[in-house]
């Protein structure tokens, strides 16, 4: 199996989600500034945002987000960097 297929399988397993605060992903960062803090907007309320960090163990939502309210982060989820103007899809982050 080539590296790209292995990455897609790993991401597929991540995107299925486990309903926990932390989900497994490879260490990734903003492609512009290298920051590992991001946020995403609630698709039903653009004024509601969910902050999260990318850590070695995966996506970790901020403490003010209830575990049951953590949104799923899929490959096509639009996200924004907390430090610079970068915005794009989760799949665009570099490892």
PDB file of N, CA and C in Angstrom:
ATOM      1  N   UNK A   1       0.862  -1.175   0.000  1.00  0.00           N
ATOM      2  CA  UNK A   1       0.000   0.000   0.000  1.00  0.00           C
ATOM      3  C   UNK A   1       0.904   1.233   0.000  1.00  0.00           C
ATOM      4  N   UNK A   2       0.611   2.172  -0.892  1.00  0.00           N
ATOM      5  CA  UNK A   2       1.448   3.362  -0.943  1.00  0.00           C
ATOM      6  C   UNK A   2       1.108   4.324   0.200  1.00  0.00           C
ATOM      7  N   UNK A   3       1.963   5.301   0.385  1.00  0.00           N
ATOM      8  CA  UNK A   3       1.832   6.237   1.503  1.00  0.00           C
ATOM      9  C   UNK A   3       0.523   7.009   1.454  1.00  0.00           C
ATOM     10  N   UNK A   4       0.108   7.437   0.259  1.00  0.00           N
ATOM     11  CA  UNK A   4      -1.132   8.212   0.138  1.00  0.00           C
ATOM     12  C   UNK A   4      -2.331   7.371   0.572  1.00  0.00           C
ATOM     13  N   UNK A   5      -2.404   6.118   0.146  1.00  0.00           N
ATOM     14  CA  UNK A   5      -3.516   5.258   0.556  1.00  0.00           C
ATOM     15  C   UNK A   5      -3.513   5.022   2.053  1.00  0.00           C
ATOM     16  N   UNK A   6      -2.340   4.822   2.643  1.00  0.00           N
ATOM     17  CA  UNK A   6      -2.248   4.632   4.096  1.00  0.00           C
ATOM     18  C   UNK A   6      -2.733   5.882   4.820  1.00  0.00           C
ATOM     19  N   UNK A   7      -2.368   7.063   4.306  1.00  0.00           N
ATOM     20  CA  UNK A   7      -2.808   8.329   4.905  1.00  0.00           C
ATOM     21  C   UNK A   7      -4.323   8.465   4.802  1.00  0.00           C
ATOM     22  N   UNK A   8      -4.891   8.125   3.663  1.00  0.00           N
ATOM     23  CA  UNK A   8      -6.339   8.234   3.483  1.00  0.00           C
ATOM     24  C   UNK A   8      -7.085   7.278   4.421  1.00  0.00           C
ATOM     25  N   UNK A   9      -6.570   6.078   4.621  1.00  0.00           N
ATOM     26  CA  UNK A   9      -7.202   5.131   5.542  1.00  0.00           C
ATOM     27  C   UNK A   9      -7.121   5.668   6.964  1.00  0.00           C
ATOM     28  N   UNK A  10      -5.953   6.202   7.360  1.00  0.00           N
ATOM     29  CA  UNK A  10      -5.796   6.766   8.697  1.00  0.00           C
ATOM     30  C   UNK A  10      -6.764   7.926   8.878  1.00  0.00           C
ATOM     31  N   UNK A  11      -6.867   8.801   7.881  1.00  0.00           N
ATOM     32  CA  UNK A  11      -7.781   9.933   7.986  1.00  0.00           C
ATOM     33  C   UNK A  11      -9.238   9.466   8.004  1.00  0.00           C
ATOM     34  N   UNK A  12      -9.555   8.446   7.205  1.00  0.00           N
ATOM     35  CA  UNK A  12     -10.924   7.931   7.198  1.00  0.00           C
ATOM     36  C   UNK A  12     -11.312   7.470   8.591  1.00  0.00           C
ATOM     37  N   UNK A  13     -10.415   6.753   9.236  1.00  0.00           N
ATOM     38  CA  UNK A  13     -10.695   6.283  10.590  1.00  0.00           C
ATOM     39  C   UNK A  13     -10.853   7.453  11.546  1.00  0.00           C
ATOM     40  N   UNK A  14     -10.057   8.505  11.378  1.00  0.00           N
ATOM     41  CA  UNK A  14     -10.177   9.703  12.206  1.00  0.00           C
ATOM     42  C   UNK A  14     -11.524  10.379  11.982  1.00  0.00           C
ATOM     43  N   UNK A  15     -11.913  10.538  10.723  1.00  0.00           N
ATOM     44  CA  UNK A  15     -13.111  11.298  10.418  1.00  0.00           C
ATOM     45  C   UNK A  15     -14.399  10.583  10.814  1.00  0.00           C
ATOM     46  N   UNK A  16     -14.334   9.308  11.068  1.00  0.00           N
ATOM     47  CA  UNK A  16     -15.510   8.612  11.566  1.00  0.00           C
ATOM     48  C   UNK A  16     -15.849   9.103  12.962  1.00  0.00           C
ATOM     49  N   UNK A  17     -14.826   9.595  13.663  1.00  0.00           N
ATOM     50  CA  UNK A  17     -15.031  10.193  14.993  1.00  0.00           C
ATOM     51  C   UNK A  17     -15.393   9.176  16.044  1.00  0.00           C
ATOM     52  N   UNK A  18     -15.053   9.530  17.259  1.00  0.00           N
ATOM     53  CA  UNK A  18     -15.347   8.637  18.366  1.00  0.00           C
ATOM     54  C   UNK A  18     -16.217   9.312  19.410  1.00  0.00           C
ATOM     55  N   UNK A  19     -16.604  10.586  19.168  1.00  0.00           N
ATOM     56  CA  UNK A  19     -17.423  11.296  20.137  1.00  0.00           C
ATOM     57  C   UNK A  19     -16.629  11.776  21.335  1.00  0.00           C
ATOM     58  N   UNK A  20     -15.318  11.740  21.263  1.00  0.00           N
ATOM     59  CA  UNK A  20     -14.485  12.191  22.370  1.00  0.00           C
ATOM     60  C   UNK A  20     -13.870  13.543  22.019  1.00  0.00           C
ATOM     61  N   UNK A  21     -13.267  14.195  23.010  1.00  0.00           N
ATOM     62  CA  UNK A  21     -12.630  15.483  22.803  1.00  0.00           C
ATOM     63  C   UNK A  21     -11.414  15.370  21.899  1.00  0.00           C
ATOM     64  N   UNK A  22     -10.760  14.238  21.911  1.00  0.00           N
ATOM     65  CA  UNK A  22      -9.519  14.097  21.169  1.00  0.00           C
ATOM     66  C   UNK A  22      -9.668  12.993  20.147  1.00  0.00           C
ATOM     67  N   UNK A  23      -9.290  13.276  18.915  1.00  0.00           N
ATOM     68  CA  UNK A  23      -9.369  12.315  17.842  1.00  0.00           C
ATOM     69  C   UNK A  23      -7.987  12.218  17.218  1.00  0.00           C
ATOM     70  N   UNK A  24      -7.606  11.041  16.772  1.00  0.00           N
ATOM     71  CA  UNK A  24      -6.243  10.822  16.312  1.00  0.00           C
ATOM     72  C   UNK A  24      -6.014  11.351  14.897  1.00  0.00           C
ATOM     73  N   UNK A  25      -4.941  12.135  14.740  1.00  0.00           N
ATOM     74  CA  UNK A  25      -4.464  12.583  13.433  1.00  0.00           C
ATOM     75  C   UNK A  25      -2.953  12.732  13.517  1.00  0.00           C
ATOM     76  N   UNK A  26      -2.313  12.779  12.368  1.00  0.00           N
ATOM     77  CA  UNK A  26      -0.883  13.066  12.351  1.00  0.00           C
ATOM     78  C   UNK A  26      -0.701  14.523  12.748  1.00  0.00           C
ATOM     79  N   UNK A  27       0.493  14.871  13.231  1.00  0.00           N
ATOM     80  CA  UNK A  27       0.763  16.253  13.610  1.00  0.00           C
ATOM     81  C   UNK A  27       0.750  17.105  12.342  1.00  0.00           C
ATOM     82  N   UNK A  28      -0.106  18.112  12.328  1.00  0.00           N
ATOM     83  CA  UNK A  28      -0.233  19.002  11.186  1.00  0.00           C
ATOM     84  C   UNK A  28      -0.154  20.436  11.681  1.00  0.00           C
ATOM     85  N   UNK A  29       0.037  21.376  10.741  1.00  0.00           N
ATOM     86  CA  UNK A  29       0.149  22.788  11.107  1.00  0.00           C
ATOM     87  C   UNK A  29      -0.336  23.653   9.956  1.00  0.00           C
ATOM     88  N   UNK A  30      -0.527  24.926  10.244  1.00  0.00           N
ATOM     89  CA  UNK A  30      -0.943  25.888   9.232  1.00  0.00           C
ATOM     90  C   UNK A  30       0.114  25.929   8.119  1.00  0.00           C
ATOM     91  N   UNK A  31      -0.301  25.871   6.866  1.00  0.00           N
ATOM     92  CA  UNK A  31       0.667  25.891   5.771  1.00  0.00           C
ATOM     93  C   UNK A  31       1.358  27.244   5.590  1.00  0.00           C
ATOM     94  N   UNK A  32       0.835  28.313   6.213  1.00  0.00           N
ATOM     95  CA  UNK A  32       1.434  29.637   6.073  1.00  0.00           C
ATOM     96  C   UNK A  32       2.362  29.962   7.235  1.00  0.00           C
ATOM     97  N   UNK A  33       1.864  29.825   8.472  1.00  0.00           N
ATOM     98  CA  UNK A  33       2.652  30.281   9.624  1.00  0.00           C
ATOM     99  C   UNK A  33       3.119  29.157  10.550  1.00  0.00           C
ATOM    100  N   UNK A  34       2.642  27.936  10.353  1.00  0.00           N
ATOM    101  CA  UNK A  34       3.078  26.825  11.187  1.00  0.00           C
ATOM    102  C   UNK A  34       2.310  26.680  12.493  1.00  0.00           C
ATOM    103  N   UNK A  35       1.331  27.540  12.726  1.00  0.00           N
ATOM    104  CA  UNK A  35       0.527  27.490  13.944  1.00  0.00           C
ATOM    105  C   UNK A  35      -0.268  26.187  14.008  1.00  0.00           C
ATOM    106  N   UNK A  36      -0.549  25.733  15.223  1.00  0.00           N
ATOM    107  CA  UNK A  36      -1.327  24.515  15.414  1.00  0.00           C
ATOM    108  C   UNK A  36      -2.654  24.795  16.112  1.00  0.00           C
ATOM    109  N   UNK A  37      -3.071  26.069  16.119  1.00  0.00           N
ATOM    110  CA  UNK A  37      -4.357  26.463  16.708  1.00  0.00           C
ATOM    111  C   UNK A  37      -5.273  26.954  15.594  1.00  0.00           C
ATOM    112  N   UNK A  38      -6.492  26.430  15.585  1.00  0.00           N
ATOM    113  CA  UNK A  38      -7.448  26.734  14.530  1.00  0.00           C
ATOM    114  C   UNK A  38      -8.831  26.925  15.125  1.00  0.00           C
ATOM    115  N   UNK A  39      -9.757  27.352  14.287  1.00  0.00           N
ATOM    116  CA  UNK A  39     -11.157  27.380  14.690  1.00  0.00           C
ATOM    117  C   UNK A  39     -12.015  27.080  13.477  1.00  0.00           C
ATOM    118  N   UNK A  40     -13.228  26.640  13.739  1.00  0.00           N
ATOM    119  CA  UNK A  40     -14.196  26.415  12.675  1.00  0.00           C
ATOM    120  C   UNK A  40     -15.507  27.045  13.092  1.00  0.00           C
ATOM    121  N   UNK A  41     -16.277  27.445  12.103  1.00  0.00           N
ATOM    122  CA  UNK A  41     -17.559  28.094  12.371  1.00  0.00           C
ATOM    123  C   UNK A  41     -18.673  27.059  12.330  1.00  0.00           C
ATOM    124  N   UNK A  42     -19.651  27.259  13.187  1.00  0.00           N
ATOM    125  CA  UNK A  42     -20.835  26.414  13.184  1.00  0.00           C
ATOM    126  C   UNK A  42     -21.563  26.653  11.866  1.00  0.00           C
ATOM    127  N   UNK A  43     -21.842  25.602  11.081  1.00  0.00           N
ATOM    128  CA  UNK A  43     -22.509  25.809   9.792  1.00  0.00           C
ATOM    129  C   UNK A  43     -23.922  26.393   9.926  1.00  0.00           C
ATOM    130  N   UNK A  44     -24.526  26.254  11.093  1.00  0.00           N
ATOM    131  CA  UNK A  44     -25.875  26.774  11.314  1.00  0.00           C
ATOM    132  C   UNK A  44     -25.887  28.165  11.943  1.00  0.00           C
ATOM    133  N   UNK A  45     -24.727  28.620  12.452  1.00  0.00           N
ATOM    134  CA  UNK A  45     -24.634  29.921  13.106  1.00  0.00           C
ATOM    135  C   UNK A  45     -23.210  30.442  12.929  1.00  0.00           C
ATOM    136  N   UNK A  46     -22.989  31.297  11.950  1.00  0.00           N
ATOM    137  CA  UNK A  46     -21.646  31.785  11.620  1.00  0.00           C
ATOM    138  C   UNK A  46     -20.988  32.560  12.757  1.00  0.00           C
ATOM    139  N   UNK A  47     -21.774  32.957  13.770  1.00  0.00           N
ATOM    140  CA  UNK A  47     -21.215  33.693  14.899  1.00  0.00           C
ATOM    141  C   UNK A  47     -20.726  32.763  16.009  1.00  0.00           C
ATOM    142  N   UNK A  48     -21.009  31.484  15.887  1.00  0.00           N
ATOM    143  CA  UNK A  48     -20.560  30.478  16.860  1.00  0.00           C
ATOM    144  C   UNK A  48     -19.318  29.794  16.303  1.00  0.00           C
ATOM    145  N   UNK A  49     -18.218  29.858  17.051  1.00  0.00           N
ATOM    146  CA  UNK A  49     -16.978  29.235  16.596  1.00  0.00           C
ATOM    147  C   UNK A  49     -16.497  28.213  17.615  1.00  0.00           C
ATOM    148  N   UNK A  50     -15.753  27.236  17.126  1.00  0.00           N
ATOM    149  CA  UNK A  50     -15.177  26.193  17.968  1.00  0.00           C
ATOM    150  C   UNK A  50     -13.667  26.212  17.778  1.00  0.00           C
ATOM    151  N   UNK A  51     -12.932  26.505  18.828  1.00  0.00           N
ATOM    152  CA  UNK A  51     -11.476  26.544  18.769  1.00  0.00           C
ATOM    153  C   UNK A  51     -10.905  25.171  19.082  1.00  0.00           C
ATOM    154  N   UNK A  52      -9.820  24.846  18.384  1.00  0.00           N
ATOM    155  CA  UNK A  52      -9.142  23.580  18.652  1.00  0.00           C
ATOM    156  C   UNK A  52      -7.667  23.702  18.336  1.00  0.00           C
ATOM    157  N   UNK A  53      -6.893  22.826  18.934  1.00  0.00           N
ATOM    158  CA  UNK A  53      -5.460  22.741  18.688  1.00  0.00           C
ATOM    159  C   UNK A  53      -5.152  21.397  18.056  1.00  0.00           C
ATOM    160  N   UNK A  54      -4.094  21.373  17.256  1.00  0.00           N
ATOM    161  CA  UNK A  54      -3.600  20.117  16.719  1.00  0.00           C
ATOM    162  C   UNK A  54      -2.407  19.717  17.570  1.00  0.00           C
ATOM    163  N   UNK A  55      -2.543  18.637  18.275  1.00  0.00           N
ATOM    164  CA  UNK A  55      -1.473  18.130  19.123  1.00  0.00           C
ATOM    165  C   UNK A  55      -1.069  16.759  18.610  1.00  0.00           C
ATOM    166  N   UNK A  56      -0.019  16.194  19.169  1.00  0.00           N
ATOM    167  CA  UNK A  56       0.468  14.895  18.729  1.00  0.00           C
ATOM    168  C   UNK A  56      -0.640  13.848  18.751  1.00  0.00           C
ATOM    169  N   UNK A  57      -1.564  13.972  19.696  1.00  0.00           N
ATOM    170  CA  UNK A  57      -2.653  13.019  19.800  1.00  0.00           C
ATOM    171  C   UNK A  57      -3.821  13.320  18.894  1.00  0.00           C
ATOM    172  N   UNK A  58      -3.884  14.507  18.283  1.00  0.00           N
ATOM    173  CA  UNK A  58      -4.960  14.821  17.363  1.00  0.00           C
ATOM    174  C   UNK A  58      -5.627  16.151  17.614  1.00  0.00           C
ATOM    175  N   UNK A  59      -6.890  16.262  17.188  1.00  0.00           N
ATOM    176  CA  UNK A  59      -7.684  17.472  17.348  1.00  0.00           C
ATOM    177  C   UNK A  59      -8.177  17.546  18.783  1.00  0.00           C
ATOM    178  N   UNK A  60      -7.838  18.640  19.467  1.00  0.00           N
ATOM    179  CA  UNK A  60      -8.261  18.826  20.854  1.00  0.00           C
ATOM    180  C   UNK A  60      -9.010  20.146  20.929  1.00  0.00           C
ATOM    181  N   UNK A  61     -10.318  20.069  21.179  1.00  0.00           N
ATOM    182  CA  UNK A  61     -11.140  21.266  21.282  1.00  0.00           C
ATOM    183  C   UNK A  61     -10.854  21.975  22.602  1.00  0.00           C
ATOM    184  N   UNK A  62     -11.071  23.288  22.609  1.00  0.00           N
ATOM    185  CA  UNK A  62     -10.821  24.068  23.819  1.00  0.00           C
ATOM    186  C   UNK A  62     -11.732  23.586  24.943  1.00  0.00           C
ATOM    187  N   UNK A  63     -11.327  23.894  26.156  1.00  0.00           N
ATOM    188  CA  UNK A  63     -12.038  23.419  27.347  1.00  0.00           C
ATOM    189  C   UNK A  63     -13.459  23.958  27.445  1.00  0.00           C
ATOM    190  N   UNK A  64     -13.744  25.091  26.813  1.00  0.00           N
ATOM    191  CA  UNK A  64     -15.088  25.656  26.911  1.00  0.00           C
ATOM    192  C   UNK A  64     -16.104  24.971  25.992  1.00  0.00           C
ATOM    193  N   UNK A  65     -15.650  24.011  25.203  1.00  0.00           N
ATOM    194  CA  UNK A  65     -16.550  23.255  24.332  1.00  0.00           C
ATOM    195  C   UNK A  65     -16.888  21.938  25.023  1.00  0.00           C
ATOM    196  N   UNK A  66     -18.175  21.717  25.266  1.00  0.00           N
ATOM    197  CA  UNK A  66     -18.625  20.472  25.884  1.00  0.00           C
ATOM    198  C   UNK A  66     -18.274  19.302  24.967  1.00  0.00           C
ATOM    199  N   UNK A  67     -17.877  18.180  25.548  1.00  0.00           N
ATOM    200  CA  UNK A  67     -17.500  17.004  24.760  1.00  0.00           C
ATOM    201  C   UNK A  67     -18.622  16.577  23.822  1.00  0.00           C
ATOM    202  N   UNK A  68     -19.862  16.727  24.248  1.00  0.00           N
ATOM    203  CA  UNK A  68     -20.996  16.321  23.417  1.00  0.00           C
ATOM    204  C   UNK A  68     -21.285  17.319  22.304  1.00  0.00           C
ATOM    205  N   UNK A  69     -20.708  18.520  22.389  1.00  0.00           N
ATOM    206  CA  UNK A  69     -20.939  19.557  21.375  1.00  0.00           C
ATOM    207  C   UNK A  69     -19.813  19.649  20.354  1.00  0.00           C
ATOM    208  N   UNK A  70     -18.743  18.891  20.541  1.00  0.00           N
ATOM    209  CA  UNK A  70     -17.617  18.956  19.613  1.00  0.00           C
ATOM    210  C   UNK A  70     -18.080  18.542  18.218  1.00  0.00           C
ATOM    211  N   UNK A  71     -17.938  19.420  17.244  1.00  0.00           N
ATOM    212  CA  UNK A  71     -18.361  19.075  15.889  1.00  0.00           C
ATOM    213  C   UNK A  71     -17.389  18.087  15.245  1.00  0.00           C
ATOM    214  N   UNK A  72     -17.879  17.351  14.267  1.00  0.00           N
ATOM    215  CA  UNK A  72     -16.998  16.467  13.520  1.00  0.00           C
ATOM    216  C   UNK A  72     -16.136  17.317  12.600  1.00  0.00           C
ATOM    217  N   UNK A  73     -14.882  16.925  12.495  1.00  0.00           N
ATOM    218  CA  UNK A  73     -13.962  17.614  11.596  1.00  0.00           C
ATOM    219  C   UNK A  73     -13.641  16.636  10.477  1.00  0.00           C
ATOM    220  N   UNK A  74     -14.166  16.920   9.288  1.00  0.00           N
ATOM    221  CA  UNK A  74     -13.933  16.063   8.126  1.00  0.00           C
ATOM    222  C   UNK A  74     -12.932  16.697   7.192  1.00  0.00           C
ATOM    223  N   UNK A  75     -12.527  15.956   6.178  1.00  0.00           N
ATOM    224  CA  UNK A  75     -11.544  16.474   5.230  1.00  0.00           C
ATOM    225  C   UNK A  75     -11.978  17.785   4.600  1.00  0.00           C
ATOM    226  N   UNK A  76     -13.256  17.943   4.337  1.00  0.00           N
ATOM    227  CA  UNK A  76     -13.733  19.148   3.671  1.00  0.00           C
ATOM    228  C   UNK A  76     -14.274  20.200   4.631  1.00  0.00           C
ATOM    229  N   UNK A  77     -14.047  20.011   5.933  1.00  0.00           N
ATOM    230  CA  UNK A  77     -14.491  20.996   6.912  1.00  0.00           C
ATOM    231  C   UNK A  77     -13.695  22.290   6.732  1.00  0.00           C
ATOM    232  N   UNK A  78     -14.384  23.431   6.537  1.00  0.00           N
ATOM    233  CA  UNK A  78     -13.664  24.699   6.438  1.00  0.00           C
ATOM    234  C   UNK A  78     -13.144  25.122   7.815  1.00  0.00           C
ATOM    235  N   UNK A  79     -11.862  25.457   7.868  1.00  0.00           N
ATOM    236  CA  UNK A  79     -11.238  25.884   9.123  1.00  0.00           C
ATOM    237  C   UNK A  79     -10.419  27.143   8.871  1.00  0.00           C
ATOM    238  N   UNK A  80     -10.079  27.842   9.959  1.00  0.00           N
ATOM    239  CA  UNK A  80      -9.271  29.054   9.871  1.00  0.00           C
ATOM    240  C   UNK A  80      -8.170  29.009  10.921  1.00  0.00           C
ATOM    241  N   UNK A  81      -7.008  29.519  10.553  1.00  0.00           N
ATOM    242  CA  UNK A  81      -5.876  29.594  11.481  1.00  0.00           C
ATOM    243  C   UNK A  81      -6.156  30.664  12.529  1.00  0.00           C
ATOM    244  N   UNK A  82      -5.749  30.401  13.747  1.00  0.00           N
ATOM    245  CA  UNK A  82      -5.947  31.370  14.823  1.00  0.00           C
ATOM    246  C   UNK A  82      -4.901  32.479  14.823  1.00  0.00           C
ATOM    247  N   UNK A  83      -3.789  32.288  14.118  1.00  0.00           N
ATOM    248  CA  UNK A  83      -2.702  33.269  14.156  1.00  0.00           C
ATOM    249  C   UNK A  83      -2.551  34.114  12.889  1.00  0.00           C
ATOM    250  N   UNK A  84      -2.940  33.584  11.740  1.00  0.00           N
ATOM    251  CA  UNK A  84      -2.757  34.355  10.513  1.00  0.00           C
ATOM    252  C   UNK A  84      -4.059  34.333   9.708  1.00  0.00           C
ATOM    253  N   UNK A  85      -4.005  34.793   8.490  1.00  0.00           N
ATOM    254  CA  UNK A  85      -5.210  34.920   7.675  1.00  0.00           C
ATOM    255  C   UNK A  85      -5.561  33.644   6.903  1.00  0.00           C
ATOM    256  N   UNK A  86      -4.772  32.567   7.077  1.00  0.00           N
ATOM    257  CA  UNK A  86      -5.045  31.349   6.305  1.00  0.00           C
ATOM    258  C   UNK A  86      -6.407  30.777   6.657  1.00  0.00           C
ATOM    259  N   UNK A  87      -7.113  30.350   5.629  1.00  0.00           N
ATOM    260  CA  UNK A  87      -8.344  29.605   5.794  1.00  0.00           C
ATOM    261  C   UNK A  87      -8.455  28.634   4.627  1.00  0.00           C
ATOM    262  N   UNK A  88      -9.010  27.499   4.903  1.00  0.00           N
ATOM    263  CA  UNK A  88      -9.136  26.481   3.864  1.00  0.00           C
ATOM    264  C   UNK A  88      -9.832  25.258   4.426  1.00  0.00           C
ATOM    265  N   UNK A  89      -9.605  24.139   3.807  1.00  0.00           N
ATOM    266  CA  UNK A  89     -10.197  22.865   4.217  1.00  0.00           C
ATOM    267  C   UNK A  89      -9.205  22.102   5.081  1.00  0.00           C
ATOM    268  N   UNK A  90      -9.723  21.293   5.996  1.00  0.00           N
ATOM    269  CA  UNK A  90      -8.871  20.531   6.903  1.00  0.00           C
ATOM    270  C   UNK A  90      -7.827  19.715   6.132  1.00  0.00           C
ATOM    271  N   UNK A  91      -8.214  19.171   4.984  1.00  0.00           N
ATOM    272  CA  UNK A  91      -7.310  18.325   4.223  1.00  0.00           C
ATOM    273  C   UNK A  91      -6.093  19.086   3.670  1.00  0.00           C
ATOM    274  N   UNK A  92      -6.139  20.397   3.687  1.00  0.00           N
ATOM    275  CA  UNK A  92      -5.038  21.204   3.142  1.00  0.00           C
ATOM    276  C   UNK A  92      -3.888  21.395   4.132  1.00  0.00           C
ATOM    277  N   UNK A  93      -4.068  20.994   5.367  1.00  0.00           N
ATOM    278  CA  UNK A  93      -3.009  21.181   6.359  1.00  0.00           C
ATOM    279  C   UNK A  93      -1.830  20.273   6.039  1.00  0.00           C
ATOM    280  N   UNK A  94      -0.640  20.788   6.271  1.00  0.00           N
ATOM    281  CA  UNK A  94       0.560  19.987   6.005  1.00  0.00           C
ATOM    282  C   UNK A  94       1.004  19.270   7.266  1.00  0.00           C
ATOM    283  N   UNK A  95       1.662  18.164   7.107  1.00  0.00           N
ATOM    284  CA  UNK A  95       2.140  17.382   8.241  1.00  0.00           C
ATOM    285  C   UNK A  95       3.592  17.551   8.490  1.00  0.00           C
TER     286      UNK A  95
END
